[in-house]
Full PDB file with SEQRES, HELIX, SHEET, SSBOND, CRYST1, ORIGX, SCALE, CONECT and MASTER records, all heavy atoms in Angstrom:
SEQRES   1 A   36  VAL ALA LEU ARG THR LEU VAL ILE PRO ILE THR ILE LEU          
SEQRES   2 A   36  LEU ASP TYR LEU ILE LEU SER LYS VAL PRO THR GLU LEU          
SEQRES   3 A   36  LYS TRP VAL GLY LEU SER LEU VAL LEU VAL                      
HELIX    1 AA1 LEU A    3  LEU A    6  5                                   4    
HELIX    2 AA2 VAL A    7  ILE A   18  1                                  12    
HELIX    3 AA3 GLU A   25  LEU A   35  1                                  11    
CRYST1    1.000    1.000    1.000  90.00  90.00  90.00 P 1           1          
ORIGX1      1.000000  0.000000  0.000000        0.00000                         
ORIGX2      0.000000  1.000000  0.000000        0.00000                         
ORIGX3      0.000000  0.000000  1.000000        0.00000                         
SCALE1      1.000000  0.000000  0.000000        0.00000                         
SCALE2      0.000000  1.000000  0.000000        0.00000                         
SCALE3      0.000000  0.000000  1.000000        0.00000                         
ATOM      1  N   VAL A   1       0.834  -1.207   0.000  1.00  0.00           N  
ATOM      2  CA  VAL A   1       0.000   0.000   0.000  1.00  0.00           C  
ATOM      3  C   VAL A   1       0.867   1.255   0.000  1.00  0.00           C  
ATOM      4  O   VAL A   1       0.584   2.229  -0.705  1.00  0.00           O  
ATOM      5  CB  VAL A   1      -0.945  -0.006   1.223  1.00  0.00           C  
ATOM      6  CG1 VAL A   1      -1.648   1.337   1.371  1.00  0.00           C  
ATOM      7  CG2 VAL A   1      -1.979  -1.105   1.083  1.00  0.00           C  
ATOM      8  N   ALA A   2       1.959   1.233   0.783  1.00  0.00           N  
ATOM      9  CA  ALA A   2       2.848   2.392   0.840  1.00  0.00           C  
ATOM     10  C   ALA A   2       3.502   2.651  -0.512  1.00  0.00           C  
ATOM     11  O   ALA A   2       3.637   3.808  -0.940  1.00  0.00           O  
ATOM     12  CB  ALA A   2       3.923   2.175   1.913  1.00  0.00           C  
ATOM     13  N   LEU A   3       3.904   1.584  -1.214  1.00  0.00           N  
ATOM     14  CA  LEU A   3       4.499   1.751  -2.539  1.00  0.00           C  
ATOM     15  C   LEU A   3       3.503   2.363  -3.519  1.00  0.00           C  
ATOM     16  O   LEU A   3       3.877   3.108  -4.424  1.00  0.00           O  
ATOM     17  CB  LEU A   3       4.984   0.395  -3.070  1.00  0.00           C  
ATOM     18  CG  LEU A   3       6.218  -0.206  -2.392  1.00  0.00           C  
ATOM     19  CD1 LEU A   3       6.460  -1.629  -2.882  1.00  0.00           C  
ATOM     20  CD2 LEU A   3       7.454   0.657  -2.642  1.00  0.00           C  
ATOM     21  N   ARG A   4       2.213   2.068  -3.318  1.00  0.00           N  
ATOM     22  CA  ARG A   4       1.190   2.586  -4.237  1.00  0.00           C  
ATOM     23  C   ARG A   4       0.874   4.054  -3.980  1.00  0.00           C  
ATOM     24  O   ARG A   4       0.111   4.660  -4.743  1.00  0.00           O  
ATOM     25  CB  ARG A   4      -0.081   1.735  -4.112  1.00  0.00           C  
ATOM     26  CG  ARG A   4      -0.915   1.733  -5.378  1.00  0.00           C  
ATOM     27  CD  ARG A   4      -2.074   0.780  -5.290  1.00  0.00           C  
ATOM     28  NE  ARG A   4      -3.149   1.297  -4.454  1.00  0.00           N  
ATOM     29  CZ  ARG A   4      -4.345   0.716  -4.372  1.00  0.00           C  
ATOM     30  NH1 ARG A   4      -4.598  -0.381  -5.051  1.00  0.00           N  
ATOM     31  NH2 ARG A   4      -5.276   1.214  -3.589  1.00  0.00           N  
ATOM     32  N   THR A   5       1.463   4.637  -2.924  1.00  0.00           N  
ATOM     33  CA  THR A   5       1.239   6.056  -2.652  1.00  0.00           C  
ATOM     34  C   THR A   5       1.705   6.932  -3.817  1.00  0.00           C  
ATOM     35  O   THR A   5       1.244   8.060  -3.995  1.00  0.00           O  
ATOM     36  CB  THR A   5       1.989   6.472  -1.359  1.00  0.00           C  
ATOM     37  OG1 THR A   5       1.628   5.575  -0.315  1.00  0.00           O  
ATOM     38  CG2 THR A   5       1.618   7.882  -0.941  1.00  0.00           C  
ATOM     39  N   LEU A   6       2.602   6.384  -4.633  1.00  0.00           N  
ATOM     40  CA  LEU A   6       3.090   7.114  -5.809  1.00  0.00           C  
ATOM     41  C   LEU A   6       1.958   7.460  -6.772  1.00  0.00           C  
ATOM     42  O   LEU A   6       2.125   8.308  -7.654  1.00  0.00           O  
ATOM     43  CB  LEU A   6       4.156   6.267  -6.521  1.00  0.00           C  
ATOM     44  CG  LEU A   6       5.036   6.948  -7.561  1.00  0.00           C  
ATOM     45  CD1 LEU A   6       5.860   8.054  -6.921  1.00  0.00           C  
ATOM     46  CD2 LEU A   6       5.948   5.936  -8.244  1.00  0.00           C  
ATOM     47  N   VAL A   7       0.793   6.825  -6.602  1.00  0.00           N  
ATOM     48  CA  VAL A   7      -0.340   7.109  -7.473  1.00  0.00           C  
ATOM     49  C   VAL A   7      -0.785   8.568  -7.348  1.00  0.00           C  
ATOM     50  O   VAL A   7      -1.335   9.144  -8.292  1.00  0.00           O  
ATOM     51  CB  VAL A   7      -1.517   6.161  -7.153  1.00  0.00           C  
ATOM     52  CG1 VAL A   7      -2.199   6.538  -5.852  1.00  0.00           C  
ATOM     53  CG2 VAL A   7      -2.530   6.137  -8.289  1.00  0.00           C  
ATOM     54  N   ILE A   8      -0.508   9.195  -6.187  1.00  0.00           N  
ATOM     55  CA  ILE A   8      -0.983  10.573  -5.970  1.00  0.00           C  
ATOM     56  C   ILE A   8      -0.292  11.566  -6.901  1.00  0.00           C  
ATOM     57  O   ILE A   8      -0.968  12.298  -7.636  1.00  0.00           O  
ATOM     58  CB  ILE A   8      -0.814  10.980  -4.495  1.00  0.00           C  
ATOM     59  CG1 ILE A   8      -1.634  10.045  -3.606  1.00  0.00           C  
ATOM     60  CG2 ILE A   8      -1.255  12.418  -4.260  1.00  0.00           C  
ATOM     61  CD1 ILE A   8      -1.337  10.181  -2.143  1.00  0.00           C  
ATOM     62  N   PRO A   9       1.060  11.644  -6.917  1.00  0.00           N  
ATOM     63  CA  PRO A   9       1.674  12.581  -7.857  1.00  0.00           C  
ATOM     64  C   PRO A   9       1.364  12.258  -9.318  1.00  0.00           C  
ATOM     65  O   PRO A   9       1.210  13.184 -10.133  1.00  0.00           O  
ATOM     66  CB  PRO A   9       3.183  12.455  -7.560  1.00  0.00           C  
ATOM     67  CG  PRO A   9       3.353  11.228  -6.766  1.00  0.00           C  
ATOM     68  CD  PRO A   9       2.080  11.019  -6.030  1.00  0.00           C  
ATOM     69  N   ILE A  10       1.268  10.967  -9.643  1.00  0.00           N  
ATOM     70  CA  ILE A  10       0.947  10.609 -11.031  1.00  0.00           C  
ATOM     71  C   ILE A  10      -0.464  11.067 -11.386  1.00  0.00           C  
ATOM     72  O   ILE A  10      -0.705  11.616 -12.473  1.00  0.00           O  
ATOM     73  CB  ILE A  10       1.096   9.089 -11.238  1.00  0.00           C  
ATOM     74  CG1 ILE A  10       2.552   8.658 -11.042  1.00  0.00           C  
ATOM     75  CG2 ILE A  10       0.621   8.691 -12.639  1.00  0.00           C  
ATOM     76  CD1 ILE A  10       2.775   7.163 -11.114  1.00  0.00           C  
ATOM     77  N   THR A  11      -1.404  10.873 -10.461  1.00  0.00           N  
ATOM     78  CA  THR A  11      -2.788  11.297 -10.713  1.00  0.00           C  
ATOM     79  C   THR A  11      -2.898  12.809 -10.827  1.00  0.00           C  
ATOM     80  O   THR A  11      -3.628  13.326 -11.683  1.00  0.00           O  
ATOM     81  CB  THR A  11      -3.714  10.788  -9.584  1.00  0.00           C  
ATOM     82  OG1 THR A  11      -3.558   9.380  -9.438  1.00  0.00           O  
ATOM     83  CG2 THR A  11      -5.166  11.093  -9.905  1.00  0.00           C  
ATOM     84  N   ILE A  12      -2.182  13.523  -9.973  1.00  0.00           N  
ATOM     85  CA  ILE A  12      -2.234  14.991 -10.023  1.00  0.00           C  
ATOM     86  C   ILE A  12      -1.596  15.506 -11.317  1.00  0.00           C  
ATOM     87  O   ILE A  12      -2.061  16.489 -11.911  1.00  0.00           O  
ATOM     88  CB  ILE A  12      -1.560  15.594  -8.777  1.00  0.00           C  
ATOM     89  CG1 ILE A  12      -2.450  15.325  -7.560  1.00  0.00           C  
ATOM     90  CG2 ILE A  12      -1.325  17.096  -8.934  1.00  0.00           C  
ATOM     91  CD1 ILE A  12      -1.916  15.839  -6.264  1.00  0.00           C  
ATOM     92  N   LEU A  13      -0.538  14.827 -11.775  1.00  0.00           N  
ATOM     93  CA  LEU A  13       0.050  15.183 -13.066  1.00  0.00           C  
ATOM     94  C   LEU A  13      -0.965  14.971 -14.187  1.00  0.00           C  
ATOM     95  O   LEU A  13      -1.123  15.820 -15.077  1.00  0.00           O  
ATOM     96  CB  LEU A  13       1.302  14.335 -13.312  1.00  0.00           C  
ATOM     97  CG  LEU A  13       1.965  14.502 -14.698  1.00  0.00           C  
ATOM     98  CD1 LEU A  13       2.455  15.932 -14.886  1.00  0.00           C  
ATOM     99  CD2 LEU A  13       3.110  13.503 -14.868  1.00  0.00           C  
ATOM    100  N   LEU A  14      -1.697  13.853 -14.133  1.00  0.00           N  
ATOM    101  CA  LEU A  14      -2.728  13.590 -15.140  1.00  0.00           C  
ATOM    102  C   LEU A  14      -3.900  14.557 -14.997  1.00  0.00           C  
ATOM    103  O   LEU A  14      -4.521  14.937 -15.996  1.00  0.00           O  
ATOM    104  CB  LEU A  14      -3.208  12.140 -15.025  1.00  0.00           C  
ATOM    105  CG  LEU A  14      -2.173  11.056 -15.381  1.00  0.00           C  
ATOM    106  CD1 LEU A  14      -2.750   9.667 -15.140  1.00  0.00           C  
ATOM    107  CD2 LEU A  14      -1.727  11.196 -16.831  1.00  0.00           C  
ATOM    108  N   ASP A  15      -4.215  14.953 -13.743  1.00  0.00           N  
ATOM    109  CA  ASP A  15      -5.245  15.979 -13.533  1.00  0.00           C  
ATOM    110  C   ASP A  15      -4.882  17.261 -14.288  1.00  0.00           C  
ATOM    111  O   ASP A  15      -5.734  17.916 -14.899  1.00  0.00           O  
ATOM    112  CB  ASP A  15      -5.385  16.305 -12.038  1.00  0.00           C  
ATOM    113  CG  ASP A  15      -6.187  15.251 -11.289  1.00  0.00           C  
ATOM    114  OD1 ASP A  15      -6.793  14.381 -11.953  1.00  0.00           O  
ATOM    115  OD2 ASP A  15      -6.207  15.291 -10.051  1.00  0.00           O  
ATOM    116  N   TYR A  16      -3.597  17.601 -14.224  1.00  0.00           N  
ATOM    117  CA  TYR A  16      -3.121  18.826 -14.900  1.00  0.00           C  
ATOM    118  C   TYR A  16      -3.163  18.663 -16.426  1.00  0.00           C  
ATOM    119  O   TYR A  16      -3.625  19.553 -17.148  1.00  0.00           O  
ATOM    120  CB  TYR A  16      -1.696  19.136 -14.442  1.00  0.00           C  
ATOM    121  CG  TYR A  16      -1.023  20.238 -15.224  1.00  0.00           C  
ATOM    122  CD1 TYR A  16      -1.431  21.570 -15.096  1.00  0.00           C  
ATOM    123  CD2 TYR A  16       0.005  19.946 -16.112  1.00  0.00           C  
ATOM    124  CE1 TYR A  16      -0.830  22.585 -15.825  1.00  0.00           C  
ATOM    125  CE2 TYR A  16       0.615  20.946 -16.842  1.00  0.00           C  
ATOM    126  CZ  TYR A  16       0.198  22.263 -16.703  1.00  0.00           C  
ATOM    127  OH  TYR A  16       0.805  23.254 -17.432  1.00  0.00           O  
ATOM    128  N   LEU A  17      -2.704  17.509 -16.919  1.00  0.00           N  
ATOM    129  CA  LEU A  17      -2.612  17.300 -18.367  1.00  0.00           C  
ATOM    130  C   LEU A  17      -3.975  17.056 -19.006  1.00  0.00           C  
ATOM    131  O   LEU A  17      -4.233  17.515 -20.122  1.00  0.00           O  
ATOM    132  CB  LEU A  17      -1.694  16.099 -18.656  1.00  0.00           C  
ATOM    133  CG  LEU A  17      -0.225  16.258 -18.259  1.00  0.00           C  
ATOM    134  CD1 LEU A  17       0.535  14.956 -18.487  1.00  0.00           C  
ATOM    135  CD2 LEU A  17       0.435  17.396 -19.033  1.00  0.00           C  
ATOM    136  N   ILE A  18      -4.863  16.340 -18.282  1.00  0.00           N  
ATOM    137  CA  ILE A  18      -6.143  15.935 -18.878  1.00  0.00           C  
ATOM    138  C   ILE A  18      -7.293  16.831 -18.438  1.00  0.00           C  
ATOM    139  O   ILE A  18      -8.129  17.228 -19.262  1.00  0.00           O  
ATOM    140  CB  ILE A  18      -6.451  14.464 -18.522  1.00  0.00           C  
ATOM    141  CG1 ILE A  18      -5.363  13.546 -19.104  1.00  0.00           C  
ATOM    142  CG2 ILE A  18      -7.825  14.050 -19.041  1.00  0.00           C  
ATOM    143  CD1 ILE A  18      -5.486  12.094 -18.684  1.00  0.00           C  
ATOM    144  N   LEU A  19      -7.350  17.154 -17.142  1.00  0.00           N  
ATOM    145  CA  LEU A  19      -8.467  17.942 -16.601  1.00  0.00           C  
ATOM    146  C   LEU A  19      -8.124  19.416 -16.396  1.00  0.00           C  
ATOM    147  O   LEU A  19      -8.949  20.187 -15.903  1.00  0.00           O  
ATOM    148  CB  LEU A  19      -8.929  17.336 -15.264  1.00  0.00           C  
ATOM    149  CG  LEU A  19      -9.364  15.873 -15.299  1.00  0.00           C  
ATOM    150  CD1 LEU A  19      -9.766  15.400 -13.909  1.00  0.00           C  
ATOM    151  CD2 LEU A  19     -10.509  15.667 -16.287  1.00  0.00           C  
ATOM    152  N   SER A  20      -6.880  19.805 -16.710  1.00  0.00           N  
ATOM    153  CA  SER A  20      -6.408  21.201 -16.597  1.00  0.00           C  
ATOM    154  C   SER A  20      -6.504  21.749 -15.174  1.00  0.00           C  
ATOM    155  O   SER A  20      -6.850  22.911 -14.966  1.00  0.00           O  
ATOM    156  CB  SER A  20      -7.210  22.108 -17.558  1.00  0.00           C  
ATOM    157  OG  SER A  20      -7.068  21.661 -18.882  1.00  0.00           O  
ATOM    158  N   LYS A  21      -6.212  20.908 -14.185  1.00  0.00           N  
ATOM    159  CA  LYS A  21      -6.199  21.340 -12.780  1.00  0.00           C  
ATOM    160  C   LYS A  21      -4.748  21.625 -12.386  1.00  0.00           C  
ATOM    161  O   LYS A  21      -3.927  20.704 -12.321  1.00  0.00           O  
ATOM    162  CB  LYS A  21      -6.815  20.266 -11.880  1.00  0.00           C  
ATOM    163  CG  LYS A  21      -8.300  20.046 -12.150  1.00  0.00           C  
ATOM    164  CD  LYS A  21      -8.868  19.013 -11.210  1.00  0.00           C  
ATOM    165  CE  LYS A  21     -10.360  18.793 -11.461  1.00  0.00           C  
ATOM    166  NZ  LYS A  21     -11.161  19.980 -11.097  1.00  0.00           N  
ATOM    167  N   VAL A  22      -4.435  22.901 -12.108  1.00  0.00           N  
ATOM    168  CA  VAL A  22      -3.053  23.317 -11.835  1.00  0.00           C  
ATOM    169  C   VAL A  22      -2.743  23.168 -10.346  1.00  0.00           C  
ATOM    170  O   VAL A  22      -3.466  23.706  -9.503  1.00  0.00           O  
ATOM    171  CB  VAL A  22      -2.834  24.785 -12.270  1.00  0.00           C  
ATOM    172  CG1 VAL A  22      -1.383  25.191 -12.030  1.00  0.00           C  
ATOM    173  CG2 VAL A  22      -3.209  24.965 -13.732  1.00  0.00           C  
ATOM    174  N   PRO A  23      -1.668  22.437  -9.969  1.00  0.00           N  
ATOM    175  CA  PRO A  23      -1.301  22.281  -8.552  1.00  0.00           C  
ATOM    176  C   PRO A  23      -0.837  23.603  -7.933  1.00  0.00           C  
ATOM    177  O   PRO A  23      -0.175  24.409  -8.585  1.00  0.00           O  
ATOM    178  CB  PRO A  23      -0.146  21.270  -8.583  1.00  0.00           C  
ATOM    179  CG  PRO A  23      -0.214  20.628  -9.930  1.00  0.00           C  
ATOM    180  CD  PRO A  23      -0.794  21.656 -10.843  1.00  0.00           C  
ATOM    181  N   THR A  24      -1.177  23.830  -6.667  1.00  0.00           N  
ATOM    182  CA  THR A  24      -0.704  25.010  -5.933  1.00  0.00           C  
ATOM    183  C   THR A  24       0.654  24.701  -5.301  1.00  0.00           C  
ATOM    184  O   THR A  24       1.153  23.578  -5.359  1.00  0.00           O  
ATOM    185  CB  THR A  24      -1.703  25.380  -4.826  1.00  0.00           C  
ATOM    186  OG1 THR A  24      -1.797  24.285  -3.910  1.00  0.00           O  
ATOM    187  CG2 THR A  24      -3.071  25.682  -5.417  1.00  0.00           C  
ATOM    188  N   GLU A  25       1.267  25.746  -4.666  1.00  0.00           N  
ATOM    189  CA  GLU A  25       2.572  25.547  -4.022  1.00  0.00           C  
ATOM    190  C   GLU A  25       2.495  24.522  -2.893  1.00  0.00           C  
ATOM    191  O   GLU A  25       3.407  23.706  -2.707  1.00  0.00           O  
ATOM    192  CB  GLU A  25       3.086  26.886  -3.480  1.00  0.00           C  
ATOM    193  CG  GLU A  25       3.449  27.884  -4.569  1.00  0.00           C  
ATOM    194  CD  GLU A  25       3.969  29.192  -3.983  1.00  0.00           C  
ATOM    195  OE1 GLU A  25       4.041  29.278  -2.741  1.00  0.00           O  
ATOM    196  OE2 GLU A  25       4.291  30.092  -4.777  1.00  0.00           O  
ATOM    197  N   LEU A  26       1.376  24.557  -2.125  1.00  0.00           N  
ATOM    198  CA  LEU A  26       1.217  23.600  -1.026  1.00  0.00           C  
ATOM    199  C   LEU A  26       1.154  22.170  -1.568  1.00  0.00           C  
ATOM    200  O   LEU A  26       1.707  21.239  -0.967  1.00  0.00           O  
ATOM    201  CB  LEU A  26      -0.050  23.928  -0.240  1.00  0.00           C  
ATOM    202  CG  LEU A  26      -0.269  23.154   1.078  1.00  0.00           C  
ATOM    203  CD1 LEU A  26       0.889  23.399   2.032  1.00  0.00           C  
ATOM    204  CD2 LEU A  26      -1.585  23.563   1.726  1.00  0.00           C  
ATOM    205  N   LYS A  27       0.507  22.010  -2.710  1.00  0.00           N  
ATOM    206  CA  LYS A  27       0.442  20.689  -3.317  1.00  0.00           C  
ATOM    207  C   LYS A  27       1.828  20.207  -3.732  1.00  0.00           C  
ATOM    208  O   LYS A  27       2.172  19.034  -3.561  1.00  0.00           O  
ATOM    209  CB  LYS A  27      -0.475  20.709  -4.545  1.00  0.00           C  
ATOM    210  CG  LYS A  27      -1.948  20.831  -4.243  1.00  0.00           C  
ATOM    211  CD  LYS A  27      -2.710  20.740  -5.554  1.00  0.00           C  
ATOM    212  CE  LYS A  27      -4.156  21.158  -5.377  1.00  0.00           C  
ATOM    213  NZ  LYS A  27      -4.862  21.185  -6.667  1.00  0.00           N  
ATOM    214  N   TRP A  28       2.629  21.142  -4.289  1.00  0.00           N  
ATOM    215  CA  TRP A  28       3.976  20.756  -4.711  1.00  0.00           C  
ATOM    216  C   TRP A  28       4.814  20.287  -3.528  1.00  0.00           C  
ATOM    217  O   TRP A  28       5.566  19.314  -3.637  1.00  0.00           O  
ATOM    218  CB  TRP A  28       4.678  21.929  -5.408  1.00  0.00           C  
ATOM    219  CG  TRP A  28       4.212  22.184  -6.819  1.00  0.00           C  
ATOM    220  CD1 TRP A  28       3.628  23.315  -7.298  1.00  0.00           C  
ATOM    221  CD2 TRP A  28       4.305  21.271  -7.918  1.00  0.00           C  
ATOM    222  NE1 TRP A  28       3.330  23.167  -8.630  1.00  0.00           N  
ATOM    223  CE2 TRP A  28       3.741  21.928  -9.044  1.00  0.00           C  
ATOM    224  CE3 TRP A  28       4.792  19.979  -8.064  1.00  0.00           C  
ATOM    225  CZ2 TRP A  28       3.674  21.324 -10.288  1.00  0.00           C  
ATOM    226  CZ3 TRP A  28       4.719  19.365  -9.318  1.00  0.00           C  
ATOM    227  CH2 TRP A  28       4.168  20.045 -10.414  1.00  0.00           C  
ATOM    228  N   VAL A  29       4.675  20.961  -2.393  1.00  0.00           N  
ATOM    229  CA  VAL A  29       5.407  20.548  -1.185  1.00  0.00           C  
ATOM    230  C   VAL A  29       4.946  19.155  -0.757  1.00  0.00           C  
ATOM    231  O   VAL A  29       5.762  18.273  -0.448  1.00  0.00           O  
ATOM    232  CB  VAL A  29       5.194  21.565  -0.039  1.00  0.00           C  
ATOM    233  CG1 VAL A  29       5.846  21.049   1.248  1.00  0.00           C  
ATOM    234  CG2 VAL A  29       5.786  22.918  -0.409  1.00  0.00           C  
ATOM    235  N   GLY A  30       3.625  18.966  -0.737  1.00  0.00           N  
ATOM    236  CA  GLY A  30       3.076  17.661  -0.357  1.00  0.00           C  
ATOM    237  C   GLY A  30       3.508  16.563  -1.307  1.00  0.00           C  
ATOM    238  O   GLY A  30       3.885  15.465  -0.883  1.00  0.00           O  
ATOM    239  N   LEU A  31       3.498  16.860  -2.611  1.00  0.00           N  
ATOM    240  CA  LEU A  31       3.918  15.874  -3.606  1.00  0.00           C  
ATOM    241  C   LEU A  31       5.377  15.480  -3.419  1.00  0.00           C  
ATOM    242  O   LEU A  31       5.747  14.308  -3.568  1.00  0.00           O  
ATOM    243  CB  LEU A  31       3.713  16.432  -5.017  1.00  0.00           C  
ATOM    244  CG  LEU A  31       2.276  16.567  -5.497  1.00  0.00           C  
ATOM    245  CD1 LEU A  31       2.239  17.219  -6.863  1.00  0.00           C  
ATOM    246  CD2 LEU A  31       1.609  15.204  -5.558  1.00  0.00           C  
ATOM    247  N   SER A  32       6.213  16.467  -3.094  1.00  0.00           N  
ATOM    248  CA  SER A  32       7.635  16.191  -2.860  1.00  0.00           C  
ATOM    249  C   SER A  32       7.814  15.229  -1.686  1.00  0.00           C  
ATOM    250  O   SER A  32       8.614  14.285  -1.754  1.00  0.00           O  
ATOM    251  CB  SER A  32       8.397  17.494  -2.589  1.00  0.00           C  
ATOM    252  OG  SER A  32       8.286  18.381  -3.680  1.00  0.00           O  
ATOM    253  N   LEU A  33       7.032  15.439  -0.617  1.00  0.00           N  
ATOM    254  CA  LEU A  33       7.127  14.555   0.544  1.00  0.00           C  
ATOM    255  C   LEU A  33       6.622  13.148   0.213  1.00  0.00           C  
ATOM    256  O   LEU A  33       7.190  12.149   0.670  1.00  0.00           O  
ATOM    257  CB  LEU A  33       6.322  15.140   1.715  1.00  0.00           C  
ATOM    258  CG  LEU A  33       6.910  16.398   2.365  1.00  0.00           C  
ATOM    259  CD1 LEU A  33       5.969  16.941   3.436  1.00  0.00           C  
ATOM    260  CD2 LEU A  33       8.275  16.095   2.984  1.00  0.00           C  
ATOM    261  N   VAL A  34       5.560  13.072  -0.588  1.00  0.00           N  
ATOM    262  CA  VAL A  34       5.045  11.774  -1.009  1.00  0.00           C  
ATOM    263  C   VAL A  34       6.114  11.007  -1.791  1.00  0.00           C  
ATOM    264  O   VAL A  34       6.346   9.811  -1.569  1.00  0.00           O  
ATOM    265  CB  VAL A  34       3.774  11.931  -1.870  1.00  0.00           C  
ATOM    266  CG1 VAL A  34       3.404  10.606  -2.531  1.00  0.00           C  
ATOM    267  CG2 VAL A  34       2.622  12.420  -1.015  1.00  0.00           C  
ATOM    268  N   LEU A  35       6.784  11.705  -2.704  1.00  0.00           N  
ATOM    269  CA  LEU A  35       7.833  11.075  -3.505  1.00  0.00           C  
ATOM    270  C   LEU A  35       8.991  10.608  -2.621  1.00  0.00           C  
ATOM    271  O   LEU A  35       9.516   9.504  -2.809  1.00  0.00           O  
ATOM    272  CB  LEU A  35       8.341  12.048  -4.577  1.00  0.00           C  
ATOM    273  CG  LEU A  35       7.374  12.347  -5.726  1.00  0.00           C  
ATOM    274  CD1 LEU A  35       7.923  13.458  -6.605  1.00  0.00           C  
ATOM    275  CD2 LEU A  35       7.148  11.087  -6.562  1.00  0.00           C  
ATOM    276  N   VAL A  36       9.383  11.436  -1.659  1.00  0.00           N  
ATOM    277  CA  VAL A  36      10.473  11.072  -0.754  1.00  0.00           C  
ATOM    278  C   VAL A  36      10.096   9.841   0.072  1.00  0.00           C  
ATOM    279  O   VAL A  36      10.876   8.884   0.193  1.00  0.00           O  
ATOM    280  CB  VAL A  36      10.841  12.249   0.178  1.00  0.00           C  
ATOM    281  CG1 VAL A  36      11.795  11.795   1.285  1.00  0.00           C  
ATOM    282  CG2 VAL A  36      11.483  13.382  -0.613  1.00  0.00           C  
TER     283      VAL A  36                                                      
MASTER        0    0    0    3    0    0    0    6  282    1    0    3          
END                                                                             
């Protein structure tokens, strides 16, 4: 389950590319921590 947490940054990237939802600065910080 922890390894699948990577789905969040990938989904948000697809949200931006497909649904045109732009991440905020707080999201970028959170995404960085998820990746780490």
